[in-house]
Amino acid sequence: MSTIGEDLPLLSLATRIREPVDVLLTEGFMRQPAPKIEISRAERSRELIAPADELLAVMADHDVSTSVPVHGLGEYAAVADAIDRLVARWKP
């Protein structure tokens, strides 16, 4: 885990990782193209931000209409399992 003090594209940050990784979890790159798990809180907005073709799942405290799995904000194990299944599909 690290914090980057400069504004860089996501791909530039990913190339800085020296160790091999299966998954790179980031926060705050909502406008850059990449697969996403969106966290949505009703008090902020009921509209999703991520483009539908980038969305893997949603965690929300309200009803969401989408074709991807939707989990409650506290359902971390379910989201972790979904990430694990996705990585298993991509990893040789």
Protein backbone atom coordinates (compact mmCIF):
# COMPACT_ATOMS: atom_id res chain seq x y z
CA MET A 1 0.00 0.00 0.00
CA SER A 2 1.30 3.42 -0.88
CA THR A 3 0.18 6.99 -1.40
CA ILE A 4 1.36 8.87 -4.47
CA GLY A 5 1.75 12.61 -4.09
CA GLU A 6 1.63 13.45 -7.77
CA ASP A 7 -1.17 13.22 -10.33
CA LEU A 8 -0.25 10.38 -12.71
CA PRO A 9 -2.24 8.20 -15.10
CA LEU A 10 -3.12 4.80 -13.67
CA LEU A 11 -0.99 2.94 -16.21
CA SER A 12 2.06 5.00 -15.27
CA LEU A 13 1.59 4.08 -11.63
CA ALA A 14 1.13 0.40 -12.45
CA THR A 15 4.44 0.30 -14.29
CA ARG A 16 6.21 1.49 -11.11
CA ILE A 17 5.35 -1.72 -9.27
CA ARG A 18 8.51 -3.81 -9.10
CA GLU A 19 7.06 -7.04 -7.70
CA PRO A 20 4.75 -9.31 -9.73
CA VAL A 21 1.10 -8.85 -8.71
CA ASP A 22 -2.18 -10.47 -9.72
CA VAL A 23 -4.40 -7.58 -8.67
CA LEU A 24 -3.83 -3.86 -8.33
CA LEU A 25 -6.49 -2.16 -6.20
CA THR A 26 -6.65 1.61 -6.46
CA GLU A 27 -8.85 4.35 -5.12
CA GLY A 28 -9.55 7.63 -6.81
CA PHE A 29 -9.10 6.80 -10.51
CA MET A 30 -12.79 6.81 -11.38
CA ARG A 31 -12.35 8.72 -14.64
CA GLN A 32 -9.51 6.57 -16.02
CA PRO A 33 -10.30 3.46 -18.09
CA ALA A 34 -9.94 0.27 -16.04
CA PRO A 35 -12.15 -2.46 -14.57
CA LYS A 36 -13.97 -1.01 -11.56
CA ILE A 37 -15.87 -1.91 -8.42
CA GLU A 38 -17.90 1.19 -7.66
CA ILE A 39 -18.88 2.19 -4.14
CA SER A 40 -22.12 4.15 -4.13
CA ARG A 41 -23.69 5.93 -1.18
CA ALA A 42 -27.22 7.33 -1.43
CA GLU A 43 -26.29 10.46 0.53
CA ARG A 44 -23.87 11.43 -2.27
CA SER A 45 -25.72 10.20 -5.37
CA ARG A 46 -27.85 7.30 -6.55
CA GLU A 47 -26.29 7.48 -10.02
CA LEU A 48 -23.29 5.33 -10.90
CA ILE A 49 -20.18 7.04 -12.23
CA ALA A 50 -18.31 4.20 -13.94
CA PRO A 51 -19.11 3.36 -17.56
CA ALA A 52 -21.14 0.14 -17.75
CA ASP A 53 -18.46 -1.63 -19.81
CA GLU A 54 -15.82 -1.03 -17.07
CA LEU A 55 -18.01 -2.05 -14.13
CA LEU A 56 -17.26 -5.40 -12.44
CA ALA A 57 -19.48 -4.95 -9.37
CA VAL A 58 -21.14 -2.34 -7.18
CA MET A 59 -21.19 -1.93 -3.41
CA ALA A 60 -24.09 0.31 -2.37
CA ASP A 61 -26.40 1.30 0.48
CA HIS A 62 -29.33 1.69 -1.92
CA ASP A 63 -30.99 -0.16 -4.79
CA VAL A 64 -28.92 -0.10 -7.99
CA SER A 65 -30.08 -1.12 -11.44
CA THR A 66 -27.16 -2.70 -13.28
CA SER A 67 -26.21 -5.96 -14.96
CA VAL A 68 -23.22 -6.56 -12.62
CA PRO A 69 -23.39 -8.01 -9.09
CA VAL A 70 -24.53 -5.55 -6.41
CA HIS A 71 -23.41 -5.98 -2.80
CA GLY A 72 -24.12 -4.08 0.39
CA LEU A 73 -21.43 -1.76 1.74
CA GLY A 74 -20.46 -4.26 4.44
CA GLU A 75 -20.30 -7.35 2.21
CA TYR A 76 -16.51 -7.36 1.88
CA ALA A 77 -16.17 -11.15 1.76
CA ALA A 78 -18.56 -11.40 -1.20
CA VAL A 79 -16.60 -8.74 -3.09
CA ALA A 80 -13.28 -10.39 -2.24
CA ASP A 81 -14.65 -13.71 -3.53
CA ALA A 82 -15.79 -12.01 -6.76
CA ILE A 83 -12.32 -10.51 -7.25
CA ASP A 84 -10.76 -13.91 -6.61
CA ARG A 85 -13.00 -15.52 -9.26
CA LEU A 86 -12.14 -12.80 -11.79
CA VAL A 87 -8.40 -13.17 -11.19
CA ALA A 88 -8.69 -16.94 -11.54
CA ARG A 89 -10.20 -16.46 -15.00
CA TRP A 90 -7.34 -14.20 -16.16
CA LYS A 91 -4.42 -15.94 -14.49
CA PRO A 92 -2.87 -18.86 -16.41
